[in-house]
N, C-alpha and C. Protein backbone atom coordinates (compact mmCIF):
# COMPACT_ATOMS: atom_id res chain seq x y z
N MET A 1 38.08 24.95 43.60
CA MET A 1 37.87 23.89 42.46
C MET A 1 37.95 24.64 41.26
N ASN A 2 38.58 24.04 40.25
CA ASN A 2 38.89 24.65 38.88
C ASN A 2 37.78 24.01 38.03
N ARG A 3 37.02 25.00 37.72
CA ARG A 3 35.66 24.53 36.67
C ARG A 3 35.91 23.98 35.31
N ALA A 4 37.22 24.55 34.93
CA ALA A 4 37.74 23.99 33.73
C ALA A 4 38.18 22.60 33.53
N MET A 5 38.40 21.86 34.79
CA MET A 5 38.78 20.58 34.85
C MET A 5 37.40 19.59 34.90
N GLU A 6 36.14 20.14 35.26
CA GLU A 6 35.14 19.49 35.43
C GLU A 6 34.55 18.82 34.01
N THR A 7 33.89 17.74 34.07
CA THR A 7 33.09 17.13 33.13
C THR A 7 31.83 17.48 33.16
N PRO A 8 31.18 17.64 31.82
CA PRO A 8 29.74 17.85 31.96
C PRO A 8 28.88 16.46 32.45
N HIS A 9 27.62 16.56 32.99
CA HIS A 9 26.97 15.75 33.71
C HIS A 9 26.34 14.87 32.37
N GLN A 10 26.73 13.55 32.69
CA GLN A 10 26.23 12.70 31.49
C GLN A 10 25.18 11.85 32.28
N PRO A 11 23.99 11.69 31.54
CA PRO A 11 22.71 10.86 32.24
C PRO A 11 23.21 9.57 32.06
N PRO A 12 22.64 8.69 32.91
CA PRO A 12 23.03 7.22 32.85
C PRO A 12 22.49 6.62 31.64
N SER A 13 23.04 5.60 31.05
CA SER A 13 22.74 4.86 29.90
C SER A 13 21.77 3.87 30.15
N VAL A 14 20.66 3.99 29.29
CA VAL A 14 19.42 3.23 29.41
C VAL A 14 19.40 2.32 28.42
N ASP A 15 19.19 1.23 28.65
CA ASP A 15 18.92 0.12 27.36
C ASP A 15 17.61 -0.06 27.19
N VAL A 16 17.07 0.37 26.01
CA VAL A 16 15.58 0.38 25.66
C VAL A 16 15.53 -0.77 24.54
N GLN A 17 14.69 -1.71 24.48
CA GLN A 17 14.23 -2.67 23.85
C GLN A 17 12.55 -2.21 23.01
N PRO A 18 12.92 -2.34 21.76
CA PRO A 18 11.41 -2.14 21.17
C PRO A 18 10.62 -3.43 21.56
N PRO A 19 9.31 -3.07 21.47
CA PRO A 19 8.48 -4.36 21.79
C PRO A 19 8.54 -5.35 20.65
N MET A 20 8.45 -6.56 20.90
CA MET A 20 8.19 -7.64 19.71
C MET A 20 6.74 -7.59 19.27
N VAL A 21 6.56 -7.74 18.05
CA VAL A 21 5.28 -7.83 17.61
C VAL A 21 5.34 -9.08 16.63
N TYR A 22 4.73 -10.02 16.88
CA TYR A 22 4.64 -11.24 16.26
C TYR A 22 3.35 -11.33 14.95
N VAL A 23 3.73 -11.53 13.87
CA VAL A 23 2.79 -11.53 12.97
C VAL A 23 2.68 -13.15 12.20
N THR A 24 1.39 -13.37 12.49
CA THR A 24 1.10 -14.85 12.09
C THR A 24 1.14 -15.19 10.67
N GLU A 25 0.74 -14.22 9.90
CA GLU A 25 0.69 -14.37 8.42
C GLU A 25 1.37 -13.14 7.71
N ASP A 26 1.68 -13.42 6.68
CA ASP A 26 2.23 -12.17 5.90
C ASP A 26 1.26 -11.43 5.31
N PRO A 27 1.36 -10.05 5.65
CA PRO A 27 0.23 -9.07 5.07
C PRO A 27 0.27 -9.42 3.54
N ALA A 28 -0.89 -9.12 2.98
CA ALA A 28 -1.31 -9.21 1.30
C ALA A 28 -1.75 -7.85 1.14
N TRP A 29 -0.92 -7.12 0.29
CA TRP A 29 -1.25 -5.83 -0.34
C TRP A 29 -1.70 -5.91 -1.80
N GLU A 30 -2.87 -4.83 -2.00
CA GLU A 30 -3.31 -4.43 -3.33
C GLU A 30 -2.67 -3.04 -3.52
N TYR A 31 -2.83 -2.82 -4.95
CA TYR A 31 -2.16 -1.57 -5.09
C TYR A 31 -3.15 -0.92 -6.21
N GLN A 32 -3.01 0.49 -6.37
CA GLN A 32 -3.61 1.23 -7.04
C GLN A 32 -2.72 2.30 -7.78
N HIS A 33 -2.84 2.62 -9.11
CA HIS A 33 -2.05 3.37 -9.83
C HIS A 33 -2.72 4.44 -10.50
N LEU A 34 -2.63 5.83 -9.88
CA LEU A 34 -3.28 6.82 -10.76
C LEU A 34 -2.34 7.65 -11.52
N VAL A 35 -2.82 8.05 -12.65
CA VAL A 35 -2.02 8.87 -13.82
C VAL A 35 -2.69 9.98 -13.99
N ARG A 36 -2.13 11.15 -13.87
CA ARG A 36 -2.73 12.52 -14.27
C ARG A 36 -2.03 13.10 -15.01
N ASN A 37 -2.34 13.69 -16.33
CA ASN A 37 -1.70 14.57 -17.31
C ASN A 37 -1.94 16.05 -16.77
N LEU A 38 -1.13 16.58 -16.22
CA LEU A 38 -1.23 17.94 -15.61
C LEU A 38 -1.62 19.02 -16.66
N GLU A 39 -1.29 18.84 -17.90
CA GLU A 39 -1.69 19.68 -19.00
C GLU A 39 -2.96 19.69 -19.20
N THR A 40 -3.79 18.83 -18.88
CA THR A 40 -5.29 18.28 -19.37
C THR A 40 -6.09 17.90 -18.13
N GLU A 41 -5.52 17.65 -16.99
CA GLU A 41 -6.17 17.37 -15.75
C GLU A 41 -5.70 17.96 -14.46
N ARG A 42 -6.37 17.95 -13.49
CA ARG A 42 -5.76 18.74 -12.30
C ARG A 42 -5.28 17.27 -11.29
N ALA A 43 -4.42 17.48 -10.33
CA ALA A 43 -3.85 16.55 -9.37
C ALA A 43 -5.05 16.28 -8.58
N PRO A 44 -4.87 14.96 -7.96
CA PRO A 44 -6.02 14.75 -6.91
C PRO A 44 -6.25 15.90 -5.93
N ASP A 45 -7.31 16.15 -5.63
CA ASP A 45 -7.71 17.29 -4.44
C ASP A 45 -7.77 16.62 -2.95
N VAL A 46 -7.88 17.56 -2.06
CA VAL A 46 -7.98 16.92 -0.67
C VAL A 46 -9.09 16.13 -0.86
N GLU A 47 -10.46 16.67 -1.32
CA GLU A 47 -11.60 15.54 -1.33
C GLU A 47 -11.10 14.14 -1.87
N GLU A 48 -10.55 14.13 -3.04
CA GLU A 48 -10.28 12.86 -3.72
C GLU A 48 -9.37 12.15 -2.69
N LEU A 49 -8.36 12.47 -2.31
CA LEU A 49 -7.35 11.90 -1.40
C LEU A 49 -8.04 11.28 -0.19
N ASN A 50 -9.06 12.20 0.39
CA ASN A 50 -9.71 11.90 1.65
C ASN A 50 -10.70 10.49 1.53
N THR A 51 -11.28 10.67 0.17
CA THR A 51 -12.11 9.43 -0.18
C THR A 51 -11.21 8.26 -0.41
N LEU A 52 -10.04 8.46 -1.16
CA LEU A 52 -9.18 6.98 -1.20
C LEU A 52 -8.79 6.68 0.17
N GLY A 53 -8.27 7.72 0.97
CA GLY A 53 -7.98 7.20 2.35
C GLY A 53 -9.15 6.52 3.05
N ALA A 54 -10.51 6.83 2.98
CA ALA A 54 -11.61 6.38 3.81
C ALA A 54 -11.75 5.01 3.19
N HIS A 55 -11.39 4.53 2.15
CA HIS A 55 -11.41 3.18 1.57
C HIS A 55 -10.14 2.42 1.71
N GLY A 56 -9.37 2.97 2.65
CA GLY A 56 -8.07 2.21 3.02
C GLY A 56 -6.91 2.21 2.24
N TRP A 57 -6.75 3.34 1.41
CA TRP A 57 -5.51 3.46 0.36
C TRP A 57 -4.86 4.47 0.91
N GLU A 58 -3.68 4.20 0.94
CA GLU A 58 -2.33 5.08 1.58
C GLU A 58 -1.67 5.25 0.26
N LEU A 59 -1.19 6.62 0.24
CA LEU A 59 -0.47 7.13 -0.77
C LEU A 59 1.13 6.80 -0.25
N VAL A 60 1.53 6.01 -1.38
CA VAL A 60 3.13 5.56 -0.76
C VAL A 60 4.19 5.99 -1.68
N GLY A 61 3.53 6.81 -2.72
CA GLY A 61 4.80 7.07 -3.85
C GLY A 61 4.16 7.98 -4.92
N VAL A 62 4.93 9.12 -5.37
CA VAL A 62 4.72 9.89 -6.43
C VAL A 62 5.88 9.89 -7.22
N PHE A 63 5.66 9.94 -8.59
CA PHE A 63 6.65 9.96 -9.61
C PHE A 63 6.16 10.65 -10.74
N ALA A 64 6.98 11.78 -11.15
CA ALA A 64 6.51 12.72 -12.04
C ALA A 64 7.33 12.58 -13.58
N THR A 65 6.46 12.36 -14.37
CA THR A 65 6.90 12.25 -15.80
C THR A 65 6.36 13.23 -16.80
N PRO A 66 7.02 14.37 -16.59
CA PRO A 66 6.11 15.59 -17.12
C PRO A 66 5.94 15.44 -18.58
N PRO A 67 4.39 15.57 -18.82
CA PRO A 67 3.47 16.50 -17.97
C PRO A 67 2.71 15.59 -17.00
N SER A 68 2.93 14.41 -17.02
CA SER A 68 2.17 13.23 -16.24
C SER A 68 2.89 13.17 -14.84
N VAL A 69 1.98 12.86 -13.77
CA VAL A 69 2.36 12.75 -12.49
C VAL A 69 1.52 11.21 -12.13
N HIS A 70 2.29 10.29 -11.44
CA HIS A 70 1.95 8.90 -11.11
C HIS A 70 1.84 8.75 -9.71
N PHE A 71 0.66 8.80 -9.01
CA PHE A 71 0.43 8.64 -7.69
C PHE A 71 0.19 6.92 -7.44
N TYR A 72 1.24 6.40 -6.48
CA TYR A 72 1.00 5.10 -6.07
C TYR A 72 0.30 4.93 -4.69
N PHE A 73 -0.71 3.78 -4.70
CA PHE A 73 -1.29 3.66 -3.45
C PHE A 73 -1.33 2.30 -3.14
N LYS A 74 -1.49 1.92 -1.71
CA LYS A 74 -1.29 0.46 -1.37
C LYS A 74 -2.45 0.46 -0.19
N ARG A 75 -2.90 -0.72 -0.02
CA ARG A 75 -3.82 -1.12 1.11
C ARG A 75 -3.73 -2.62 1.48
N LEU A 76 -4.07 -2.68 2.55
CA LEU A 76 -4.17 -4.21 2.97
C LEU A 76 -5.49 -4.99 2.38
N VAL A 77 -5.15 -6.31 1.91
CA VAL A 77 -6.11 -7.12 1.04
C VAL A 77 -7.34 -7.51 2.32
N ARG A 78 -8.53 -7.02 2.00
CA ARG A 78 -9.28 -7.27 3.25
C ARG A 78 -10.06 -8.63 3.01
């Protein structure tokens, strides 16, 4: 048998559907904007970020406008 003529083994195609998640209400978010001037202040450290996280805040964006850095957080309205 000529090995050059063989095609590599292809696994069978599997059709996978993601689970359906039904949300009865639109989630409501609240936002927090933290600005730090890095010439005069330090960026948030791990302890400060962990405290925000413990209160439900999730860091979703960082935008630098030197010398300032903007930190954007969001969380579900409780």
